[in-house]
Amino acid sequence: KVFFCNSGAEANEAALKLARKVGLDSGIAGKSGIVAFNNAFHGRTLFTVSAGGQPKYSQDFAPLPNGINHVAFNDLEAAKAVINEQTCAVIVEPIQGEGGVIPADIEFLKGLRALCDQFGALLIFDEVQTGVGRTGALYAYMNSGVIPDVLTTAKALGGGFPVGAMLTTDKFAPHFSVGTHGTTYGGNPLASAVAGAVFEFINTPEVLEGVKHRHQYFLDALNKLNTEYPIFEEIRGQGLLIGCVLKAEYAGKAKDITTWAGEEGLLALIAGPNVVRFTPSLIIPEQDIDEGIARLKRALAKLAK
């Protein structure tokens, strides 16, 4: 079942509200706890900014909704210490985007799935950034084989047009009866038509396999550049969501690099102060990757001076 909305934040808001409603309907007293992860990002509504694990986004809006515990990402033992009968949901990104382009370990995701099954909590995958082909699979959960109870998607879903969605199973969807949750423009005909066209284009072997090929081509080019300008400690990610982690001696310089890259006509993002993030088009030609690397090289040369 799908709930359509207008953004990733709205999709995550819906997911968290659904989890609280399922917890309430369970009849278990106090089953409203939410477990999230340090450095996560889930949006900028009051609920989603509270679930996010980055105080810089939430510190100005106290008091925040309570009942949310944050623990270390990729630390299953830390998660085990806080997930219990009062937990209604665990929300996690298969790859932390804003948090540094950090992929979740498959065993970590399998462990969360088992804990949610054990305690009757919903496992929510925030795929706002990783979804719609970004990792080389239609959705990143397909790379791990771990199936969530709720999946959220947006960003690329509309190809630049505002649309988001929360997906859940037949088991949990009925807890949102008519009027329990809604949005005026969610699922409007234009947004739905755009999302349908995006899916029709991206959900093909040619595009998804092409992302995997471009990932390797881009990675090889970045590694080659890093031999000339050894600035990055690690280059990580999946598909065309790639993060370049700065060495300790260049700590805090990610913003400078993206600024210099912009001066060269190359758009790049930061993912924290020490990670340069690249999220190019899923169908970027190899010659454009080459040109982008040449422009990045000129930007890195400024740092290396």
C-alpha atoms as a PDB file:
ATOM      1  CA  LYS A   1       0.000   0.000   0.000  1.00  0.00           C
ATOM      2  CA  VAL A   2       1.219   3.504  -0.799  1.00  0.00           C
ATOM      3  CA  PHE A   3       0.626   6.895   0.815  1.00  0.00           C
ATOM      4  CA  PHE A   4       1.569   9.692  -1.572  1.00  0.00           C
ATOM      5  CA  CYS A   5       2.836  13.047  -0.349  1.00  0.00           C
ATOM      6  CA  ASN A   6       5.076  15.876  -1.555  1.00  0.00           C
ATOM      7  CA  SER A   7       8.542  15.271  -0.106  1.00  0.00           C
ATOM      8  CA  GLY A   8      10.857  12.916   1.723  1.00  0.00           C
ATOM      9  CA  ALA A   9      10.250  14.653   5.038  1.00  0.00           C
ATOM     10  CA  GLU A  10       6.504  14.150   4.627  1.00  0.00           C
ATOM     11  CA  ALA A  11       7.046  10.489   3.748  1.00  0.00           C
ATOM     12  CA  ASN A  12       9.125   9.952   6.887  1.00  0.00           C
ATOM     13  CA  GLU A  13       6.627  11.883   8.993  1.00  0.00           C
ATOM     14  CA  ALA A  14       3.927   9.522   7.752  1.00  0.00           C
ATOM     15  CA  ALA A  15       6.090   6.486   8.506  1.00  0.00           C
ATOM     16  CA  LEU A  16       6.768   7.578  12.083  1.00  0.00           C
ATOM     17  CA  LYS A  17       3.118   8.417  12.692  1.00  0.00           C
ATOM     18  CA  LEU A  18       2.087   5.028  11.318  1.00  0.00           C
ATOM     19  CA  ALA A  19       4.522   3.333  13.693  1.00  0.00           C
ATOM     20  CA  ARG A  20       3.133   5.224  16.683  1.00  0.00           C
ATOM     21  CA  LYS A  21      -0.417   4.274  15.617  1.00  0.00           C
ATOM     22  CA  VAL A  22       0.520   0.603  15.247  1.00  0.00           C
ATOM     23  CA  GLY A  23       2.120   0.753  18.687  1.00  0.00           C
ATOM     24  CA  LEU A  24      -1.002   2.286  20.197  1.00  0.00           C
ATOM     25  CA  ASP A  25      -3.268  -0.252  18.509  1.00  0.00           C
ATOM     26  CA  SER A  26      -1.145  -3.121  19.844  1.00  0.00           C
ATOM     27  CA  GLY A  27      -2.544  -2.579  23.316  1.00  0.00           C
ATOM     28  CA  ILE A  28       0.926  -2.753  24.853  1.00  0.00           C
ATOM     29  CA  ALA A  29       1.284   0.091  27.326  1.00  0.00           C
ATOM     30  CA  GLY A  30       3.943   2.620  26.326  1.00  0.00           C
ATOM     31  CA  LYS A  31       4.724   1.037  22.948  1.00  0.00           C
ATOM     32  CA  SER A  32       5.725   4.350  21.363  1.00  0.00           C
ATOM     33  CA  GLY A  33       9.536   4.311  21.454  1.00  0.00           C
ATOM     34  CA  ILE A  34      11.470   5.030  18.274  1.00  0.00           C
ATOM     35  CA  VAL A  35      15.089   4.004  17.741  1.00  0.00           C
ATOM     36  CA  ALA A  36      17.144   6.080  15.302  1.00  0.00           C
ATOM     37  CA  PHE A  37      20.848   6.540  14.654  1.00  0.00           C
ATOM     38  CA  ASN A  38      23.517   9.128  15.245  1.00  0.00           C
ATOM     39  CA  ASN A  39      24.230  11.362  12.239  1.00  0.00           C
ATOM     40  CA  ALA A  40      21.034  10.259  10.486  1.00  0.00           C
ATOM     41  CA  PHE A  41      18.925  12.691   8.479  1.00  0.00           C
ATOM     42  CA  HIS A  42      15.206  12.166   7.919  1.00  0.00           C
ATOM     43  CA  GLY A  43      13.855  15.631   7.081  1.00  0.00           C
ATOM     44  CA  ARG A  44      13.031  18.981   8.643  1.00  0.00           C
ATOM     45  CA  THR A  45       9.542  18.595  10.097  1.00  0.00           C
ATOM     46  CA  LEU A  46       9.514  18.649  13.899  1.00  0.00           C
ATOM     47  CA  PHE A  47       9.079  14.883  14.133  1.00  0.00           C
ATOM     48  CA  THR A  48      11.650  14.014  11.459  1.00  0.00           C
ATOM     49  CA  VAL A  49      14.234  16.509  12.679  1.00  0.00           C
ATOM     50  CA  SER A  50      13.882  14.890  16.097  1.00  0.00           C
ATOM     51  CA  ALA A  51      14.417  11.432  14.625  1.00  0.00           C
ATOM     52  CA  GLY A  52      17.470  12.702  12.775  1.00  0.00           C
ATOM     53  CA  GLY A  53      20.718  12.259  14.648  1.00  0.00           C
ATOM     54  CA  GLN A  54      22.266  15.653  13.930  1.00  0.00           C
ATOM     55  CA  PRO A  55      21.649  18.232  16.694  1.00  0.00           C
ATOM     56  CA  LYS A  56      22.522  21.132  14.371  1.00  0.00           C
ATOM     57  CA  TYR A  57      19.172  20.597  12.657  1.00  0.00           C
ATOM     58  CA  SER A  58      17.067  20.217  15.823  1.00  0.00           C
ATOM     59  CA  GLN A  59      18.687  22.288  18.567  1.00  0.00           C
ATOM     60  CA  ASP A  60      16.734  25.466  17.803  1.00  0.00           C
ATOM     61  CA  PHE A  61      13.292  23.852  18.056  1.00  0.00           C
ATOM     62  CA  ALA A  62      13.001  22.496  21.603  1.00  0.00           C
ATOM     63  CA  PRO A  63      11.042  20.999  23.180  1.00  0.00           C
ATOM     64  CA  LEU A  64      11.224  18.126  20.727  1.00  0.00           C
ATOM     65  CA  PRO A  65       8.923  15.084  20.578  1.00  0.00           C
ATOM     66  CA  ASN A  66      10.095  12.574  23.170  1.00  0.00           C
ATOM     67  CA  GLY A  67      10.502   8.820  23.095  1.00  0.00           C
ATOM     68  CA  ILE A  68      13.270   8.798  20.478  1.00  0.00           C
ATOM     69  CA  ASN A  69      16.571   7.051  21.283  1.00  0.00           C
ATOM     70  CA  HIS A  70      19.667   7.555  19.153  1.00  0.00           C
ATOM     71  CA  VAL A  71      22.487   5.026  19.057  1.00  0.00           C
ATOM     72  CA  ALA A  72      25.616   4.514  16.959  1.00  0.00           C
ATOM     73  CA  PHE A  73      25.083   3.570  13.314  1.00  0.00           C
ATOM     74  CA  ASN A  74      26.289   0.094  12.312  1.00  0.00           C
ATOM     75  CA  ASP A  75      26.524  -0.904  15.996  1.00  0.00           C
ATOM     76  CA  LEU A  76      24.123  -3.801  16.491  1.00  0.00           C
ATOM     77  CA  GLU A  77      24.988  -4.236  20.161  1.00  0.00           C
ATOM     78  CA  ALA A  78      24.061  -0.603  20.826  1.00  0.00           C
ATOM     79  CA  ALA A  79      20.734  -1.176  19.073  1.00  0.00           C
ATOM     80  CA  LYS A  80      20.085  -4.328  21.095  1.00  0.00           C
ATOM     81  CA  ALA A  81      20.513  -2.310  24.290  1.00  0.00           C
ATOM     82  CA  VAL A  82      17.585   0.018  23.474  1.00  0.00           C
ATOM     83  CA  ILE A  83      15.126  -2.024  21.381  1.00  0.00           C
ATOM     84  CA  ASN A  84      12.475  -3.643  23.568  1.00  0.00           C
ATOM     85  CA  GLU A  85       8.753  -4.278  23.980  1.00  0.00           C
ATOM     86  CA  GLN A  86       8.093  -0.514  24.170  1.00  0.00           C
ATOM     87  CA  THR A  87       9.744   0.084  20.776  1.00  0.00           C
ATOM     88  CA  CYS A  88       7.272   0.768  17.983  1.00  0.00           C
ATOM     89  CA  ALA A  89       9.818   1.453  15.223  1.00  0.00           C
ATOM     90  CA  VAL A  90      13.425   1.487  14.122  1.00  0.00           C
ATOM     91  CA  ILE A  91      14.196   3.985  11.357  1.00  0.00           C
ATOM     92  CA  VAL A  92      17.421   3.630   9.388  1.00  0.00           C
ATOM     93  CA  GLU A  93      19.012   4.721   6.110  1.00  0.00           C
ATOM     94  CA  PRO A  94      20.566   1.879   4.070  1.00  0.00           C
ATOM     95  CA  ILE A  95      23.283   4.434   3.354  1.00  0.00           C
ATOM     96  CA  GLN A  96      23.622   7.485   5.565  1.00  0.00           C
ATOM     97  CA  GLY A  97      23.737  10.346   3.088  1.00  0.00           C
ATOM     98  CA  GLU A  98      23.994  13.547   5.112  1.00  0.00           C
ATOM     99  CA  GLY A  99      25.844  11.550   7.748  1.00  0.00           C
ATOM    100  CA  GLY A 100      28.844  10.925   5.493  1.00  0.00           C
ATOM    101  CA  VAL A 101      27.824   8.452   2.746  1.00  0.00           C
ATOM    102  CA  ILE A 102      28.210   5.487   5.100  1.00  0.00           C
ATOM    103  CA  PRO A 103      26.677   2.204   3.890  1.00  0.00           C
ATOM    104  CA  ALA A 104      24.941   0.080   6.493  1.00  0.00           C
ATOM    105  CA  ASP A 105      26.563  -3.316   7.017  1.00  0.00           C
ATOM    106  CA  ILE A 106      24.336  -6.124   5.777  1.00  0.00           C
ATOM    107  CA  GLU A 107      24.671  -7.978   9.079  1.00  0.00           C
ATOM    108  CA  PHE A 108      23.627  -4.801  10.894  1.00  0.00           C
ATOM    109  CA  LEU A 109      20.452  -4.559   8.804  1.00  0.00           C
ATOM    110  CA  LYS A 110      19.740  -8.273   9.270  1.00  0.00           C
ATOM    111  CA  GLY A 111      20.170  -7.819  13.003  1.00  0.00           C
ATOM    112  CA  LEU A 112      17.737  -4.891  13.068  1.00  0.00           C
ATOM    113  CA  ARG A 113      15.231  -6.997  11.122  1.00  0.00           C
ATOM    114  CA  ALA A 114      15.512  -9.780  13.677  1.00  0.00           C
ATOM    115  CA  LEU A 115      15.143  -7.392  16.623  1.00  0.00           C
ATOM    116  CA  CYS A 116      12.073  -5.761  15.094  1.00  0.00           C
ATOM    117  CA  ASP A 117      10.532  -9.191  14.534  1.00  0.00           C
ATOM    118  CA  GLN A 118      11.348 -10.196  18.095  1.00  0.00           C
ATOM    119  CA  PHE A 119       9.744  -7.144  19.706  1.00  0.00           C
ATOM    120  CA  GLY A 120       6.968  -6.373  17.225  1.00  0.00           C
ATOM    121  CA  ALA A 121       8.468  -3.094  15.992  1.00  0.00           C
ATOM    122  CA  LEU A 122       8.261  -1.689  12.475  1.00  0.00           C
ATOM    123  CA  LEU A 123      11.513  -1.566  10.526  1.00  0.00           C
ATOM    124  CA  ILE A 124      11.500   1.658   8.479  1.00  0.00           C
ATOM    125  CA  PHE A 125      13.976   2.151   5.647  1.00  0.00           C
ATOM    126  CA  ASP A 126      14.458   5.789   4.710  1.00  0.00           C
ATOM    127  CA  GLU A 127      15.307   5.484   1.008  1.00  0.00           C
ATOM    128  CA  VAL A 128      14.668   9.113   0.138  1.00  0.00           C
ATOM    129  CA  GLN A 129      18.257   9.444  -1.033  1.00  0.00           C
ATOM    130  CA  THR A 130      19.108   5.841  -1.960  1.00  0.00           C
ATOM    131  CA  GLY A 131      15.921   4.967  -3.830  1.00  0.00           C
ATOM    132  CA  VAL A 132      14.870   4.966  -7.481  1.00  0.00           C
ATOM    133  CA  GLY A 133      18.035   3.457  -8.907  1.00  0.00           C
ATOM    134  CA  ARG A 134      20.661   5.513  -7.098  1.00  0.00           C
ATOM    135  CA  THR A 135      22.591   2.458  -5.833  1.00  0.00           C
ATOM    136  CA  GLY A 136      22.203   0.305  -8.945  1.00  0.00           C
ATOM    137  CA  ALA A 137      19.123  -1.445  -7.575  1.00  0.00           C
ATOM    138  CA  LEU A 138      15.659   0.072  -7.775  1.00  0.00           C
ATOM    139  CA  TYR A 139      15.815   0.413  -3.980  1.00  0.00           C
ATOM    140  CA  ALA A 140      18.860  -0.148  -1.799  1.00  0.00           C
ATOM    141  CA  TYR A 141      17.162  -2.763   0.394  1.00  0.00           C
ATOM    142  CA  MET A 142      17.317  -5.051  -2.629  1.00  0.00           C
ATOM    143  CA  ASN A 143      21.122  -5.068  -2.338  1.00  0.00           C
ATOM    144  CA  SER A 144      20.950  -6.510   1.178  1.00  0.00           C
ATOM    145  CA  GLY A 145      17.926  -8.768   0.909  1.00  0.00           C
ATOM    146  CA  VAL A 146      16.554  -7.248   4.127  1.00  0.00           C
ATOM    147  CA  ILE A 147      12.909  -6.305   3.591  1.00  0.00           C
ATOM    148  CA  PRO A 148      11.537  -3.431   5.697  1.00  0.00           C
ATOM    149  CA  ASP A 149       7.973  -3.034   6.940  1.00  0.00           C
ATOM    150  CA  VAL A 150       7.900   0.557   5.735  1.00  0.00           C
ATOM    151  CA  LEU A 151       9.882   2.234   2.962  1.00  0.00           C
ATOM    152  CA  THR A 152      10.013   5.950   2.237  1.00  0.00           C
ATOM    153  CA  THR A 153      10.961   7.460  -1.108  1.00  0.00           C
ATOM    154  CA  ALA A 154      11.102  10.899  -2.740  1.00  0.00           C
ATOM    155  CA  LYS A 155      13.811  13.057  -4.423  1.00  0.00           C
ATOM    156  CA  ALA A 156      14.487  11.119  -7.644  1.00  0.00           C
ATOM    157  CA  LEU A 157      10.949   9.706  -7.562  1.00  0.00           C
ATOM    158  CA  GLY A 158       9.732  12.861  -9.294  1.00  0.00           C
ATOM    159  CA  GLY A 159      12.781  13.581 -11.412  1.00  0.00           C
ATOM    160  CA  GLY A 160      12.854  17.079  -9.919  1.00  0.00           C
ATOM    161  CA  PHE A 161       9.086  17.366  -9.433  1.00  0.00           C
ATOM    162  CA  PRO A 162       7.776  17.428  -5.823  1.00  0.00           C
ATOM    163  CA  VAL A 163       6.476  13.984  -4.923  1.00  0.00           C
ATOM    164  CA  GLY A 164       7.134  11.512  -2.125  1.00  0.00           C
ATOM    165  CA  ALA A 165       5.657   8.250  -0.930  1.00  0.00           C
ATOM    166  CA  MET A 166       5.485   5.935   2.044  1.00  0.00           C
ATOM    167  CA  LEU A 167       5.068   2.249   1.253  1.00  0.00           C
ATOM    168  CA  THR A 168       3.964  -0.366   3.750  1.00  0.00           C
ATOM    169  CA  THR A 169       2.490  -3.843   3.828  1.00  0.00           C
ATOM    170  CA  ASP A 170      -1.102  -5.003   3.900  1.00  0.00           C
ATOM    171  CA  LYS A 171      -0.515  -5.918   7.546  1.00  0.00           C
ATOM    172  CA  PHE A 172       0.170  -2.370   8.712  1.00  0.00           C
ATOM    173  CA  ALA A 173      -1.631  -0.160   6.185  1.00  0.00           C
ATOM    174  CA  PRO A 174      -5.106  -0.613   7.790  1.00  0.00           C
ATOM    175  CA  HIS A 175      -3.889   1.192  10.926  1.00  0.00           C
ATOM    176  CA  PHE A 176      -4.144   4.394   8.857  1.00  0.00           C
ATOM    177  CA  SER A 177      -7.901   4.504   8.450  1.00  0.00           C
ATOM    178  CA  VAL A 178      -9.515   7.285   6.409  1.00  0.00           C
ATOM    179  CA  GLY A 179      -8.753  10.651   7.982  1.00  0.00           C
ATOM    180  CA  THR A 180      -5.977   9.360  10.263  1.00  0.00           C
ATOM    181  CA  HIS A 181      -3.340  10.998   8.104  1.00  0.00           C
ATOM    182  CA  GLY A 182      -3.406  12.942   4.864  1.00  0.00           C
ATOM    183  CA  THR A 183      -2.104  15.790   2.749  1.00  0.00           C
ATOM    184  CA  THR A 184      -3.936  18.081   0.348  1.00  0.00           C
ATOM    185  CA  TYR A 185      -1.756  17.618  -2.710  1.00  0.00           C
ATOM    186  CA  GLY A 186      -0.431  14.102  -2.101  1.00  0.00           C
ATOM    187  CA  GLY A 187      -1.094  11.811  -5.040  1.00  0.00           C
ATOM    188  CA  ASN A 188      -2.306  14.616  -7.299  1.00  0.00           C
ATOM    189  CA  PRO A 189      -2.647  13.561 -10.945  1.00  0.00           C
ATOM    190  CA  LEU A 190       0.346  15.524 -12.249  1.00  0.00           C
ATOM    191  CA  ALA A 191       2.764  14.318  -9.581  1.00  0.00           C
ATOM    192  CA  SER A 192       1.546  10.748  -9.980  1.00  0.00           C
ATOM    193  CA  ALA A 193       1.968  10.883 -13.750  1.00  0.00           C
ATOM    194  CA  VAL A 194       5.507  12.235 -13.371  1.00  0.00           C
ATOM    195  CA  ALA A 195       6.453   9.535 -10.844  1.00  0.00           C
ATOM    196  CA  GLY A 196       4.996   6.870 -13.100  1.00  0.00           C
ATOM    197  CA  ALA A 197       7.053   8.122 -16.052  1.00  0.00           C
ATOM    198  CA  VAL A 198      10.222   8.197 -13.922  1.00  0.00           C
ATOM    199  CA  PHE A 199       9.662   4.610 -12.802  1.00  0.00           C
ATOM    200  CA  GLU A 200       8.988   3.478 -16.359  1.00  0.00           C
ATOM    201  CA  PHE A 201      12.325   4.943 -17.462  1.00  0.00           C
ATOM    202  CA  ILE A 202      14.546   3.968 -14.517  1.00  0.00           C
ATOM    203  CA  ASN A 203      13.180   0.538 -13.636  1.00  0.00           C
ATOM    204  CA  THR A 204      14.854  -1.158 -16.581  1.00  0.00           C
ATOM    205  CA  PRO A 205      17.906  -3.441 -16.768  1.00  0.00           C
ATOM    206  CA  GLU A 206      19.636  -0.954 -19.069  1.00  0.00           C
ATOM    207  CA  VAL A 207      19.493   1.921 -16.566  1.00  0.00           C
ATOM    208  CA  LEU A 208      20.099  -0.079 -13.388  1.00  0.00           C
ATOM    209  CA  GLU A 209      22.992  -2.094 -14.822  1.00  0.00           C
ATOM    210  CA  GLY A 210      24.298   1.133 -16.304  1.00  0.00           C
ATOM    211  CA  VAL A 211      24.479   2.649 -12.824  1.00  0.00           C
ATOM    212  CA  LYS A 212      26.694  -0.225 -11.683  1.00  0.00           C
ATOM    213  CA  HIS A 213      28.977   0.251 -14.682  1.00  0.00           C
ATOM    214  CA  ARG A 214      29.189   4.013 -14.130  1.00  0.00           C
ATOM    215  CA  HIS A 215      29.929   3.416 -10.443  1.00  0.00           C
ATOM    216  CA  GLN A 216      33.033   1.429 -11.313  1.00  0.00           C
ATOM    217  CA  TYR A 217      34.111   3.896 -14.005  1.00  0.00           C
ATOM    218  CA  PHE A 218      33.691   6.848 -11.621  1.00  0.00           C
ATOM    219  CA  LEU A 219      35.438   4.981  -8.796  1.00  0.00           C
ATOM    220  CA  ASP A 220      38.409   4.115 -10.994  1.00  0.00           C
ATOM    221  CA  ALA A 221      38.697   7.744 -12.079  1.00  0.00           C
ATOM    222  CA  LEU A 222      38.531   9.020  -8.494  1.00  0.00           C
ATOM    223  CA  ASN A 223      41.138   6.514  -7.321  1.00  0.00           C
ATOM    224  CA  LYS A 224      43.444   7.505 -10.172  1.00  0.00           C
ATOM    225  CA  LEU A 225      43.005  11.183  -9.256  1.00  0.00           C
ATOM    226  CA  ASN A 226      43.730  10.320  -5.640  1.00  0.00           C
ATOM    227  CA  THR A 227      47.130   8.935  -6.596  1.00  0.00           C
ATOM    228  CA  GLU A 228      48.013  12.314  -8.073  1.00  0.00           C
ATOM    229  CA  TYR A 229      46.468  14.340  -5.275  1.00  0.00           C
ATOM    230  CA  PRO A 230      46.378  11.984  -2.248  1.00  0.00           C
ATOM    231  CA  ILE A 231      43.755  13.912  -0.333  1.00  0.00           C
ATOM    232  CA  PHE A 232      41.120  11.235   0.288  1.00  0.00           C
ATOM    233  CA  GLU A 233      41.455   8.592   2.986  1.00  0.00           C
ATOM    234  CA  GLU A 234      38.563   6.536   1.620  1.00  0.00           C
ATOM    235  CA  ILE A 235      36.205   6.556  -1.356  1.00  0.00           C
ATOM    236  CA  ARG A 236      32.973   4.744  -0.526  1.00  0.00           C
ATOM    237  CA  GLY A 237      29.325   4.343  -1.429  1.00  0.00           C
ATOM    238  CA  GLN A 238      27.143   2.363  -3.792  1.00  0.00           C
ATOM    239  CA  GLY A 239      26.096   3.034  -7.353  1.00  0.00           C
ATOM    240  CA  LEU A 240      26.148   6.759  -8.027  1.00  0.00           C
ATOM    241  CA  LEU A 241      26.059   7.827  -4.389  1.00  0.00           C
ATOM    242  CA  ILE A 242      29.755   8.277  -3.661  1.00  0.00           C
ATOM    243  CA  GLY A 243      31.530   9.892  -0.725  1.00  0.00           C
ATOM    244  CA  CYS A 244      35.202  10.892  -0.649  1.00  0.00           C
ATOM    245  CA  VAL A 245      36.529  11.068   2.918  1.00  0.00           C
ATOM    246  CA  LEU A 246      39.306  13.578   3.545  1.00  0.00           C
ATOM    247  CA  LYS A 247      42.531  12.587   5.250  1.00  0.00           C
ATOM    248  CA  ALA A 248      43.084  13.944   8.745  1.00  0.00           C
ATOM    249  CA  GLU A 249      45.420  16.695   7.571  1.00  0.00           C
ATOM    250  CA  TYR A 250      42.611  18.088   5.392  1.00  0.00           C
ATOM    251  CA  ALA A 251      39.882  17.823   8.040  1.00  0.00           C
ATOM    252  CA  GLY A 252      37.152  20.426   7.684  1.00  0.00           C
ATOM    253  CA  LYS A 253      38.050  21.268   4.079  1.00  0.00           C
ATOM    254  CA  ALA A 254      35.132  19.565   2.300  1.00  0.00           C
ATOM    255  CA  LYS A 255      33.246  22.852   1.958  1.00  0.00           C
ATOM    256  CA  ASP A 256      36.301  24.547   0.472  1.00  0.00           C
ATOM    257  CA  ILE A 257      36.626  21.764  -2.102  1.00  0.00           C
ATOM    258  CA  THR A 258      32.973  22.016  -3.157  1.00  0.00           C
ATOM    259  CA  THR A 259      33.306  25.800  -3.405  1.00  0.00           C
ATOM    260  CA  TRP A 260      36.391  25.527  -5.635  1.00  0.00           C
ATOM    261  CA  ALA A 261      34.684  22.799  -7.661  1.00  0.00           C
ATOM    262  CA  GLY A 262      31.736  25.142  -8.154  1.00  0.00           C
ATOM    263  CA  GLU A 263      34.098  27.799  -9.470  1.00  0.00           C
ATOM    264  CA  GLU A 264      35.190  25.222 -12.033  1.00  0.00           C
ATOM    265  CA  GLY A 265      31.592  24.514 -13.017  1.00  0.00           C
ATOM    266  CA  LEU A 266      31.311  21.238 -11.100  1.00  0.00           C
ATOM    267  CA  LEU A 267      28.469  20.700  -8.647  1.00  0.00           C
ATOM    268  CA  ALA A 268      29.371  18.621  -5.596  1.00  0.00           C
ATOM    269  CA  LEU A 269      27.926  18.354  -2.102  1.00  0.00           C
ATOM    270  CA  ILE A 270      29.319  17.940   1.371  1.00  0.00           C
ATOM    271  CA  ALA A 271      28.241  15.188   3.756  1.00  0.00           C
ATOM    272  CA  GLY A 272      29.618  16.629   6.954  1.00  0.00           C
ATOM    273  CA  PRO A 273      32.830  18.663   7.194  1.00  0.00           C
ATOM    274  CA  ASN A 274      35.104  15.896   5.934  1.00  0.00           C
ATOM    275  CA  VAL A 275      33.242  14.185   3.094  1.00  0.00           C
ATOM    276  CA  VAL A 276      32.759  15.361  -0.484  1.00  0.00           C
ATOM    277  CA  ARG A 277      29.637  13.757  -1.949  1.00  0.00           C
ATOM    278  CA  PHE A 278      28.866  13.046  -5.601  1.00  0.00           C
ATOM    279  CA  THR A 279      25.372  12.153  -6.858  1.00  0.00           C
ATOM    280  CA  PRO A 280      25.487  12.524 -10.650  1.00  0.00           C
ATOM    281  CA  SER A 281      22.785  11.646 -13.134  1.00  0.00           C
ATOM    282  CA  LEU A 282      22.070   7.931 -13.336  1.00  0.00           C
ATOM    283  CA  ILE A 283      22.706   8.096 -17.096  1.00  0.00           C
ATOM    284  CA  ILE A 284      25.764  10.366 -17.056  1.00  0.00           C
ATOM    285  CA  PRO A 285      27.975   9.675 -20.101  1.00  0.00           C
ATOM    286  CA  GLU A 286      31.555   8.578 -19.484  1.00  0.00           C
ATOM    287  CA  GLN A 287      32.866  11.701 -21.198  1.00  0.00           C
ATOM    288  CA  ASP A 288      30.989  13.824 -18.651  1.00  0.00           C
ATOM    289  CA  ILE A 289      32.578  11.837 -15.818  1.00  0.00           C
ATOM    290  CA  ASP A 290      35.956  12.505 -17.411  1.00  0.00           C
ATOM    291  CA  GLU A 291      35.203  16.212 -17.660  1.00  0.00           C
ATOM    292  CA  GLY A 292      33.999  16.297 -14.059  1.00  0.00           C
ATOM    293  CA  ILE A 293      37.188  14.613 -12.866  1.00  0.00           C
ATOM    294  CA  ALA A 294      39.258  17.175 -14.793  1.00  0.00           C
ATOM    295  CA  ARG A 295      37.386  20.000 -13.051  1.00  0.00           C
ATOM    296  CA  LEU A 296      37.713  18.306  -9.664  1.00  0.00           C
ATOM    297  CA  LYS A 297      41.448  17.976 -10.326  1.00  0.00           C
ATOM    298  CA  ARG A 298      41.711  21.739 -10.753  1.00  0.00           C
ATOM    299  CA  ALA A 299      39.805  22.247  -7.499  1.00  0.00           C
ATOM    300  CA  LEU A 300      42.020  19.824  -5.584  1.00  0.00           C
ATOM    301  CA  ALA A 301      45.102  21.550  -6.926  1.00  0.00           C
ATOM    302  CA  LYS A 302      44.041  24.647  -4.991  1.00  0.00           C
ATOM    303  CA  LEU A 303      43.895  22.621  -1.768  1.00  0.00           C
ATOM    304  CA  ALA A 304      47.244  20.983  -2.410  1.00  0.00           C
ATOM    305  CA  LYS A 305      49.062  24.332  -2.786  1.00  0.00           C
END
